[in-house]
Amino acid sequence: MDSILYARTKQLMLALDELAGPGKPVCVALTGPDLALLALLRQPGARVHIEHMAIGKAYTCARMGCSTKALHQRLINEQRTLDHFMDPGMTAMQGGVPLLDENGAVLAGIGVSGRLPEEDEVIALKIREFLSR
């Protein structure tokens, strides 16, 4: 991960409450293009089991280079399941988005879990915007 993204990730911890807004606490995971976990943030009160989902969403986005919502739609369109990818770490649950560079290469996968999937995606998009600045 480049130094600018690393610095922004450190700042994310301080900005997470504002980016998430009011509601249930969330967990945020970031994975690198090599699919390794870069960061895991869990707001106070967030249930431990949502970490796994946030990590899966981030991992999926880094691996596939698309949002988990887009992957879900692809599975529907192509009449496939996640089993076709032979990767048990992947999920098509909404709430994951990739952070791409200007050439479309994956810089990070961002996964959010803890609220409704649609809300998780909105927060993930806010985090992507924050990390892109």
C-alpha atoms as a PDB file:
ATOM      1  CA  MET A   1       0.000   0.000   0.000  1.00  0.00           C
ATOM      2  CA  ASP A   2       1.443   3.360  -0.916  1.00  0.00           C
ATOM      3  CA  SER A   3       2.295   5.890   1.776  1.00  0.00           C
ATOM      4  CA  ILE A   4      -0.555   8.287   0.931  1.00  0.00           C
ATOM      5  CA  LEU A   5      -3.182   5.556   1.256  1.00  0.00           C
ATOM      6  CA  TYR A   6      -1.511   4.379   4.461  1.00  0.00           C
ATOM      7  CA  ALA A   7      -1.687   7.891   5.920  1.00  0.00           C
ATOM      8  CA  ARG A   8      -5.347   8.246   4.908  1.00  0.00           C
ATOM      9  CA  THR A   9      -6.126   4.870   6.473  1.00  0.00           C
ATOM     10  CA  LYS A  10      -4.670   6.076   9.778  1.00  0.00           C
ATOM     11  CA  GLN A  11      -6.862   9.198   9.521  1.00  0.00           C
ATOM     12  CA  LEU A  12      -9.887   6.997   8.804  1.00  0.00           C
ATOM     13  CA  MET A  13      -9.885   5.774  12.388  1.00  0.00           C
ATOM     14  CA  LEU A  14     -10.486   9.327  13.580  1.00  0.00           C
ATOM     15  CA  ALA A  15     -13.113  10.027  10.897  1.00  0.00           C
ATOM     16  CA  LEU A  16     -15.058   6.750  11.045  1.00  0.00           C
ATOM     17  CA  ASP A  17     -17.769   7.952  13.437  1.00  0.00           C
ATOM     18  CA  GLU A  18     -18.515  10.936  11.201  1.00  0.00           C
ATOM     19  CA  LEU A  19     -18.457   8.878   7.987  1.00  0.00           C
ATOM     20  CA  ALA A  20     -20.694   6.168   9.446  1.00  0.00           C
ATOM     21  CA  GLY A  21     -23.145   8.672  10.897  1.00  0.00           C
ATOM     22  CA  PRO A  22     -25.820   7.723  13.399  1.00  0.00           C
ATOM     23  CA  GLY A  23     -26.974   4.142  13.626  1.00  0.00           C
ATOM     24  CA  LYS A  24     -25.696   0.763  14.683  1.00  0.00           C
ATOM     25  CA  PRO A  25     -21.927   0.457  15.078  1.00  0.00           C
ATOM     26  CA  VAL A  26     -20.053  -0.903  12.087  1.00  0.00           C
ATOM     27  CA  CYS A  27     -16.892  -2.762  11.294  1.00  0.00           C
ATOM     28  CA  VAL A  28     -14.660  -1.661   8.398  1.00  0.00           C
ATOM     29  CA  ALA A  29     -12.065  -3.835   6.697  1.00  0.00           C
ATOM     30  CA  LEU A  30      -9.495  -2.847   4.094  1.00  0.00           C
ATOM     31  CA  THR A  31      -7.609  -5.375   1.998  1.00  0.00           C
ATOM     32  CA  GLY A  32      -4.785  -4.735  -0.412  1.00  0.00           C
ATOM     33  CA  PRO A  33      -4.466  -5.791  -4.029  1.00  0.00           C
ATOM     34  CA  ASP A  34      -2.562  -8.846  -2.760  1.00  0.00           C
ATOM     35  CA  LEU A  35      -5.753  -9.738  -0.799  1.00  0.00           C
ATOM     36  CA  ALA A  36      -4.024  -9.314   2.565  1.00  0.00           C
ATOM     37  CA  LEU A  37      -5.855  -7.523   5.355  1.00  0.00           C
ATOM     38  CA  LEU A  38      -4.544  -3.955   5.700  1.00  0.00           C
ATOM     39  CA  ALA A  39      -6.799  -2.616   8.441  1.00  0.00           C
ATOM     40  CA  LEU A  40      -9.753  -3.632  10.570  1.00  0.00           C
ATOM     41  CA  LEU A  41     -11.721  -1.026  12.512  1.00  0.00           C
ATOM     42  CA  ARG A  42     -14.627  -1.884  14.772  1.00  0.00           C
ATOM     43  CA  GLN A  43     -16.723   0.816  16.399  1.00  0.00           C
ATOM     44  CA  PRO A  44     -17.458   0.318  20.094  1.00  0.00           C
ATOM     45  CA  GLY A  45     -20.485  -1.906  20.506  1.00  0.00           C
ATOM     46  CA  ALA A  46     -20.121  -3.600  17.123  1.00  0.00           C
ATOM     47  CA  ARG A  47     -20.642  -7.319  17.400  1.00  0.00           C
ATOM     48  CA  VAL A  48     -17.530  -9.398  16.844  1.00  0.00           C
ATOM     49  CA  HIS A  49     -19.102 -11.663  14.212  1.00  0.00           C
ATOM     50  CA  ILE A  50     -19.523  -8.784  11.745  1.00  0.00           C
ATOM     51  CA  GLU A  51     -15.729  -8.571  11.383  1.00  0.00           C
ATOM     52  CA  HIS A  52     -15.816 -11.700   9.243  1.00  0.00           C
ATOM     53  CA  MET A  53     -18.397 -10.183   6.906  1.00  0.00           C
ATOM     54  CA  ALA A  54     -16.520  -6.885   6.564  1.00  0.00           C
ATOM     55  CA  ILE A  55     -13.316  -8.769   5.771  1.00  0.00           C
ATOM     56  CA  GLY A  56     -15.124 -10.930   3.201  1.00  0.00           C
ATOM     57  CA  LYS A  57     -16.583  -7.888   1.480  1.00  0.00           C
ATOM     58  CA  ALA A  58     -13.194  -6.131   1.329  1.00  0.00           C
ATOM     59  CA  TYR A  59     -11.459  -9.307   0.129  1.00  0.00           C
ATOM     60  CA  THR A  60     -14.044  -9.850  -2.602  1.00  0.00           C
ATOM     61  CA  CYS A  61     -13.685  -6.304  -3.921  1.00  0.00           C
ATOM     62  CA  ALA A  62      -9.902  -6.516  -3.979  1.00  0.00           C
ATOM     63  CA  ARG A  63     -10.031  -9.880  -5.750  1.00  0.00           C
ATOM     64  CA  MET A  64     -12.712  -9.029  -8.289  1.00  0.00           C
ATOM     65  CA  GLY A  65     -12.100  -5.286  -8.775  1.00  0.00           C
ATOM     66  CA  CYS A  66     -15.802  -4.522  -8.478  1.00  0.00           C
ATOM     67  CA  SER A  67     -18.355  -3.859  -5.758  1.00  0.00           C
ATOM     68  CA  THR A  68     -20.065  -6.747  -4.030  1.00  0.00           C
ATOM     69  CA  LYS A  69     -23.341  -5.349  -5.368  1.00  0.00           C
ATOM     70  CA  ALA A  70     -21.994  -5.552  -8.939  1.00  0.00           C
ATOM     71  CA  LEU A  71     -20.749  -9.085  -8.299  1.00  0.00           C
ATOM     72  CA  HIS A  72     -24.191 -10.071  -7.029  1.00  0.00           C
ATOM     73  CA  GLN A  73     -25.768  -8.721 -10.214  1.00  0.00           C
ATOM     74  CA  ARG A  74     -23.173 -10.543 -12.325  1.00  0.00           C
ATOM     75  CA  LEU A  75     -24.025 -13.812 -10.605  1.00  0.00           C
ATOM     76  CA  ILE A  76     -27.697 -13.256 -11.400  1.00  0.00           C
ATOM     77  CA  ASN A  77     -27.031 -12.250 -15.017  1.00  0.00           C
ATOM     78  CA  GLU A  78     -24.726 -15.203 -15.681  1.00  0.00           C
ATOM     79  CA  GLN A  79     -26.821 -17.657 -13.631  1.00  0.00           C
ATOM     80  CA  ARG A  80     -23.829 -18.544 -11.478  1.00  0.00           C
ATOM     81  CA  THR A  81     -23.073 -18.848  -7.788  1.00  0.00           C
ATOM     82  CA  LEU A  82     -20.039 -17.922  -5.727  1.00  0.00           C
ATOM     83  CA  ASP A  83     -19.096 -21.601  -5.839  1.00  0.00           C
ATOM     84  CA  HIS A  84     -18.014 -21.085  -9.467  1.00  0.00           C
ATOM     85  CA  PHE A  85     -15.085 -18.969  -8.214  1.00  0.00           C
ATOM     86  CA  MET A  86     -13.891 -21.734  -5.870  1.00  0.00           C
ATOM     87  CA  ASP A  87     -12.990 -19.178  -3.188  1.00  0.00           C
ATOM     88  CA  PRO A  88     -14.711 -19.538   0.197  1.00  0.00           C
ATOM     89  CA  GLY A  89     -13.540 -16.056   1.266  1.00  0.00           C
ATOM     90  CA  MET A  90     -15.798 -14.285  -1.216  1.00  0.00           C
ATOM     91  CA  THR A  91     -19.273 -12.842  -0.668  1.00  0.00           C
ATOM     92  CA  ALA A  92     -21.874 -11.129  -2.829  1.00  0.00           C
ATOM     93  CA  MET A  93     -23.441  -9.343   0.143  1.00  0.00           C
ATOM     94  CA  GLN A  94     -23.760  -5.626  -0.555  1.00  0.00           C
ATOM     95  CA  GLY A  95     -21.411  -3.352   1.392  1.00  0.00           C
ATOM     96  CA  GLY A  96     -18.082  -3.734  -0.347  1.00  0.00           C
ATOM     97  CA  VAL A  97     -16.471  -1.398  -2.890  1.00  0.00           C
ATOM     98  CA  PRO A  98     -13.039  -1.298  -4.503  1.00  0.00           C
ATOM     99  CA  LEU A  99     -10.658   1.638  -4.385  1.00  0.00           C
ATOM    100  CA  LEU A 100      -9.128   1.882  -7.852  1.00  0.00           C
ATOM    101  CA  ASP A 101      -6.313   4.003  -9.243  1.00  0.00           C
ATOM    102  CA  GLU A 102      -6.670   6.198 -12.335  1.00  0.00           C
ATOM    103  CA  ASN A 103      -5.908   3.173 -14.550  1.00  0.00           C
ATOM    104  CA  GLY A 104      -8.505   0.938 -12.913  1.00  0.00           C
ATOM    105  CA  ALA A 105      -6.026  -1.122 -10.882  1.00  0.00           C
ATOM    106  CA  VAL A 106      -7.123  -2.154  -7.397  1.00  0.00           C
ATOM    107  CA  LEU A 107      -5.505  -0.193  -4.573  1.00  0.00           C
ATOM    108  CA  ALA A 108      -7.734  -1.652  -1.861  1.00  0.00           C
ATOM    109  CA  GLY A 109     -10.978  -3.408  -1.139  1.00  0.00           C
ATOM    110  CA  ILE A 110     -13.276  -1.714   1.373  1.00  0.00           C
ATOM    111  CA  GLY A 111     -15.831  -3.740   3.313  1.00  0.00           C
ATOM    112  CA  VAL A 112     -18.386  -2.444   5.791  1.00  0.00           C
ATOM    113  CA  SER A 113     -20.722  -4.534   7.907  1.00  0.00           C
ATOM    114  CA  GLY A 114     -23.083  -3.908  10.795  1.00  0.00           C
ATOM    115  CA  ARG A 115     -26.148  -2.291   9.262  1.00  0.00           C
ATOM    116  CA  LEU A 116     -28.488  -3.127   6.427  1.00  0.00           C
ATOM    117  CA  PRO A 117     -26.468  -4.069   3.319  1.00  0.00           C
ATOM    118  CA  GLU A 118     -27.603  -0.918   1.500  1.00  0.00           C
ATOM    119  CA  GLU A 119     -26.438   1.231   4.415  1.00  0.00           C
ATOM    120  CA  ASP A 120     -23.141  -0.638   4.559  1.00  0.00           C
ATOM    121  CA  GLU A 121     -22.565   0.218   0.899  1.00  0.00           C
ATOM    122  CA  VAL A 122     -23.309   3.913   1.440  1.00  0.00           C
ATOM    123  CA  ILE A 123     -20.726   3.991   4.227  1.00  0.00           C
ATOM    124  CA  ALA A 124     -18.212   2.074   2.106  1.00  0.00           C
ATOM    125  CA  LEU A 125     -18.658   4.638  -0.683  1.00  0.00           C
ATOM    126  CA  LYS A 126     -18.059   7.474   1.810  1.00  0.00           C
ATOM    127  CA  ILE A 127     -14.913   5.742   3.019  1.00  0.00           C
ATOM    128  CA  ARG A 128     -13.699   5.290  -0.559  1.00  0.00           C
ATOM    129  CA  GLU A 129     -14.201   8.999  -1.178  1.00  0.00           C
ATOM    130  CA  PHE A 130     -12.356   9.806   2.073  1.00  0.00           C
ATOM    131  CA  LEU A 131      -9.409   7.571   1.146  1.00  0.00           C
ATOM    132  CA  SER A 132      -9.286   9.047  -2.379  1.00  0.00           C
ATOM    133  CA  ARG A 133      -8.723  12.628  -1.210  1.00  0.00           C
END
